[in-house]
Amino acid sequence: MKQLQEKILADGKVLSDQVLKVDSFLNHQIDPVLMQAIGEEFASRFSNEGITKVLTLESSGIAPAMMTGLSMGVTAVFARKRKSLTLVDSLYTANVHSFTKNETNEISVSKDFIGPNDVVLVMDDFLANGQAALGLLDIVEQAGAALAGIGIVIEKGFQDGGKLLRNRGIRVESLARISSLENGTVKFLEEVASR
C-alpha cells in the first residue's frame, strides 16, 4: 500500500535494526484519513471471505480493526490484556508475549462476542515474531469460528512471524512489508501474493 509506505518513510523513526516507531500516526497518535484507507484496503482484499467479525488485540490494533469493520459492515472485537470487574466469566483466553515490551499477557475475549457461526479476520498493527497473531488464532479456535485470514498493517519481513503463519497455510495480507531497518533506513519487500 503505497500511501502507508510513504507515511512510514516520512514519519516513522527507526530506533534500531529491530524497532520502527510509528506512534505519530498508528499506535499512539492516529491519522484517521490513513486509517480509513487502511480499513478500505483490508475490506477490499478480504471482500469475498464472508467475514462476520474482525478480531484484534488492544490497544494498537483497535483503530485499523475498527476502520476495517466499518468498511466491511461488521463488528470489531478486541482482546483485552487486563481483566476488569465486568470481564470475569465465560472467556476465551490465551497467552501472548510482546516483543516490544518484553512481557507476557493473558488476553481474553468474552464468549458472547465470537462463536462457531463466525468467520473471523484477525488483525494487528505489527507482525514481528507472530506471538500476538498466534494468541488471537488460539481464541478463534477456542470459539470454533472459521478463520478468513490475518491482516497486518506493518510486517517486519526480516523476523519469523510471517513465515511461521504462512507455513501453517494461513493467508496473511500485510499492507507494508519491511525487509530491513539496518543503518536507520526502512527498506520494503516487494508486495507478493501471500496465498
Protein backbone atom coordinates (compact mmCIF):
# COMPACT_ATOMS: atom_id res chain seq x y z
CA MET A 1 0.00 0.00 0.00
CA LYS A 2 1.89 2.98 -1.32
CA GLN A 3 0.18 5.57 0.91
CA LEU A 4 1.24 3.64 4.03
CA GLN A 5 4.79 3.15 2.78
CA GLU A 6 5.10 6.87 2.11
CA LYS A 7 3.82 7.66 5.62
CA ILE A 8 6.33 5.24 7.17
CA LEU A 9 9.18 6.85 5.23
CA ALA A 10 8.04 10.38 6.10
CA ASP A 11 7.06 9.98 9.76
CA GLY A 12 8.40 6.63 11.01
CA LYS A 13 11.53 6.58 13.16
CA VAL A 14 13.98 3.69 13.08
CA LEU A 15 15.12 3.17 16.68
CA SER A 16 17.27 0.12 15.96
CA ASP A 17 17.65 -2.61 13.35
CA GLN A 18 14.67 -4.32 15.05
CA VAL A 19 12.38 -1.44 16.11
CA LEU A 20 10.36 1.01 13.98
CA LYS A 21 8.49 3.76 15.84
CA VAL A 22 5.22 4.79 14.15
CA ASP A 23 3.46 6.34 17.11
CA SER A 24 2.88 9.62 15.27
CA PHE A 25 0.24 8.02 13.01
CA LEU A 26 -0.58 4.42 14.03
CA ASN A 27 -0.20 3.38 17.63
CA HIS A 28 -0.31 6.49 19.83
CA GLN A 29 -1.49 9.37 17.71
CA ILE A 30 -3.75 8.14 14.90
CA ASP A 31 -4.06 9.54 11.38
CA PRO A 32 -7.79 8.98 10.68
CA VAL A 33 -7.51 9.55 6.92
CA LEU A 34 -4.76 6.92 6.66
CA MET A 35 -6.71 4.60 8.99
CA GLN A 36 -9.77 4.89 6.75
CA ALA A 37 -7.65 3.99 3.70
CA ILE A 38 -6.18 1.04 5.61
CA GLY A 39 -9.67 -0.20 6.52
CA GLU A 40 -10.82 0.10 2.93
CA GLU A 41 -7.75 -1.76 1.66
CA PHE A 42 -8.29 -4.69 4.04
CA ALA A 43 -12.02 -4.74 3.19
CA SER A 44 -11.11 -4.95 -0.49
CA ARG A 45 -8.53 -7.69 -0.02
CA PHE A 46 -10.88 -9.86 2.05
CA SER A 47 -14.16 -8.93 0.31
CA ASN A 48 -15.05 -12.48 -0.77
CA GLU A 49 -14.44 -14.26 2.55
CA GLY A 50 -17.85 -13.81 4.24
CA ILE A 51 -16.29 -12.19 7.28
CA THR A 52 -18.62 -11.59 10.22
CA LYS A 53 -16.11 -10.29 12.82
CA VAL A 54 -12.76 -8.52 12.89
CA LEU A 55 -10.64 -9.56 15.90
CA THR A 56 -7.64 -7.66 17.21
CA LEU A 57 -5.65 -7.05 20.36
CA GLU A 58 -5.79 -3.90 22.45
CA SER A 59 -4.73 -1.27 22.00
CA SER A 60 -2.77 -0.60 18.82
CA GLY A 61 -4.85 -2.93 16.66
CA ILE A 62 -8.14 -1.26 17.53
CA ALA A 63 -8.00 1.66 15.06
CA PRO A 64 -7.24 -0.41 11.92
CA ALA A 65 -9.66 -3.15 13.02
CA MET A 66 -12.42 -0.62 13.64
CA MET A 67 -11.96 1.02 10.24
CA THR A 68 -11.85 -2.39 8.55
CA GLY A 69 -15.03 -3.43 10.35
CA LEU A 70 -16.66 -0.15 9.29
CA SER A 71 -15.65 -0.70 5.65
CA MET A 72 -16.94 -4.29 5.76
CA GLY A 73 -20.09 -3.53 7.75
CA VAL A 74 -19.13 -5.97 10.53
CA THR A 75 -18.31 -5.74 14.22
CA ALA A 76 -14.76 -5.30 15.50
CA VAL A 77 -13.83 -7.14 18.70
CA PHE A 78 -10.65 -6.61 20.66
CA ALA A 79 -8.98 -9.00 23.06
CA ARG A 80 -8.37 -7.39 26.44
CA LYS A 81 -4.92 -7.57 28.03
CA ARG A 82 -6.16 -6.79 31.52
CA LYS A 83 -9.04 -8.20 33.49
CA SER A 84 -11.79 -5.88 34.63
CA LEU A 85 -14.67 -6.23 37.04
CA THR A 86 -17.02 -6.74 34.09
CA LEU A 87 -14.86 -9.25 32.21
CA VAL A 88 -14.56 -12.24 34.52
CA ASP A 89 -16.77 -15.10 33.30
CA SER A 90 -17.19 -17.07 30.08
CA LEU A 91 -13.93 -16.04 28.47
CA TYR A 92 -11.63 -17.37 25.80
CA THR A 93 -8.06 -16.75 26.97
CA ALA A 94 -4.56 -17.11 25.52
CA ASN A 95 -1.06 -16.02 26.48
CA VAL A 96 0.78 -13.54 24.27
CA HIS A 97 4.41 -12.46 24.57
CA SER A 98 5.15 -8.90 23.42
CA PHE A 99 8.46 -8.48 21.60
CA THR A 100 8.42 -4.69 22.04
CA LYS A 101 7.53 -4.69 25.75
CA ASN A 102 9.27 -7.99 26.61
CA GLU A 103 6.32 -9.17 28.70
CA THR A 104 3.67 -11.87 28.54
CA ASN A 105 -0.02 -11.03 28.94
CA GLU A 106 -3.08 -13.20 29.22
CA ILE A 107 -5.54 -11.90 26.66
CA SER A 108 -9.25 -12.54 26.81
CA VAL A 109 -12.42 -12.22 24.77
CA SER A 110 -15.94 -12.75 26.03
CA LYS A 111 -17.60 -15.88 24.67
CA ASP A 112 -20.60 -13.64 23.92
CA PHE A 113 -18.74 -11.94 21.09
CA ILE A 114 -17.26 -14.76 18.95
CA GLY A 115 -18.80 -18.14 18.25
CA PRO A 116 -18.88 -21.10 15.87
CA ASN A 117 -21.02 -19.26 13.30
CA ASP A 118 -18.44 -16.51 12.84
CA VAL A 119 -15.88 -16.05 10.07
CA VAL A 120 -13.08 -14.02 11.62
CA LEU A 121 -10.46 -11.72 10.19
CA VAL A 122 -7.61 -11.40 12.69
CA MET A 123 -5.83 -8.03 12.54
CA ASP A 124 -2.91 -6.28 14.19
CA ASP A 125 -0.75 -3.21 13.70
CA PHE A 126 2.58 -5.09 13.56
CA LEU A 127 3.72 -8.61 12.77
CA ALA A 128 7.19 -9.44 14.08
CA ASN A 129 7.55 -12.81 15.75
CA GLY A 130 3.88 -13.74 15.36
CA GLN A 131 3.04 -14.17 19.03
CA ALA A 132 0.06 -11.79 19.07
CA ALA A 133 -1.36 -13.41 15.93
CA LEU A 134 -0.93 -16.89 17.42
CA GLY A 135 -2.73 -15.83 20.59
CA LEU A 136 -5.63 -14.42 18.57
CA LEU A 137 -5.72 -17.57 16.41
CA ASP A 138 -5.95 -19.62 19.62
CA ILE A 139 -9.05 -17.62 20.61
CA VAL A 140 -10.62 -18.14 17.16
CA GLU A 141 -10.01 -21.89 17.50
CA GLN A 142 -11.44 -22.00 21.04
CA ALA A 143 -14.57 -20.26 19.73
CA GLY A 144 -14.93 -22.84 16.95
CA ALA A 145 -15.05 -19.95 14.46
CA ALA A 146 -13.65 -20.05 10.93
CA LEU A 147 -10.52 -18.04 10.13
CA ALA A 148 -10.62 -15.90 6.96
CA GLY A 149 -7.02 -14.80 7.35
CA ILE A 150 -4.80 -12.27 9.05
CA GLY A 151 -4.49 -8.60 8.16
CA ILE A 152 -1.33 -6.80 9.24
CA VAL A 153 -0.63 -3.10 8.84
CA ILE A 154 3.19 -3.40 9.02
CA GLU A 155 5.09 -6.68 8.79
CA LYS A 156 8.73 -6.97 9.75
CA GLY A 157 9.64 -9.41 6.99
CA PHE A 158 13.10 -9.94 8.48
CA GLN A 159 11.56 -11.59 11.55
CA ASP A 160 9.93 -15.02 11.61
CA GLY A 161 6.25 -14.25 12.29
CA GLY A 162 5.06 -14.02 8.69
CA LYS A 163 6.92 -17.15 7.66
CA LEU A 164 5.61 -19.05 10.68
CA LEU A 165 1.99 -18.18 9.85
CA ARG A 166 2.27 -18.70 6.09
CA ASN A 167 3.95 -22.09 6.64
CA ARG A 168 0.79 -23.10 8.51
CA GLY A 169 -1.22 -22.34 5.37
CA ILE A 170 -2.73 -19.16 6.83
CA ARG A 171 -3.49 -16.29 4.48
CA VAL A 172 -1.55 -13.24 5.68
CA GLU A 173 -2.12 -9.86 4.00
CA SER A 174 0.35 -7.17 5.03
CA LEU A 175 -0.01 -3.61 3.76
CA ALA A 176 3.67 -2.78 4.24
CA ARG A 177 6.36 -5.47 4.41
CA ILE A 178 9.72 -4.27 5.67
CA SER A 179 12.82 -6.18 4.62
CA SER A 180 15.32 -4.23 6.73
CA LEU A 181 15.76 -1.44 9.26
CA GLU A 182 19.55 -1.59 9.11
CA ASN A 183 21.58 1.63 9.18
CA GLY A 184 18.49 3.58 10.24
CA THR A 185 16.84 3.07 6.84
CA VAL A 186 13.46 1.46 6.10
CA LYS A 187 13.56 -0.92 3.13
CA PHE A 188 10.39 -2.58 1.85
CA LEU A 189 9.89 -6.04 0.37
CA GLU A 190 8.14 -6.05 -2.97
CA GLU A 191 4.48 -6.85 -2.50
CA VAL A 192 3.95 -10.52 -3.25
CA ALA A 193 0.88 -12.71 -3.25
CA SER A 194 0.58 -14.25 0.19
CA ARG A 195 -1.70 -17.15 -0.56
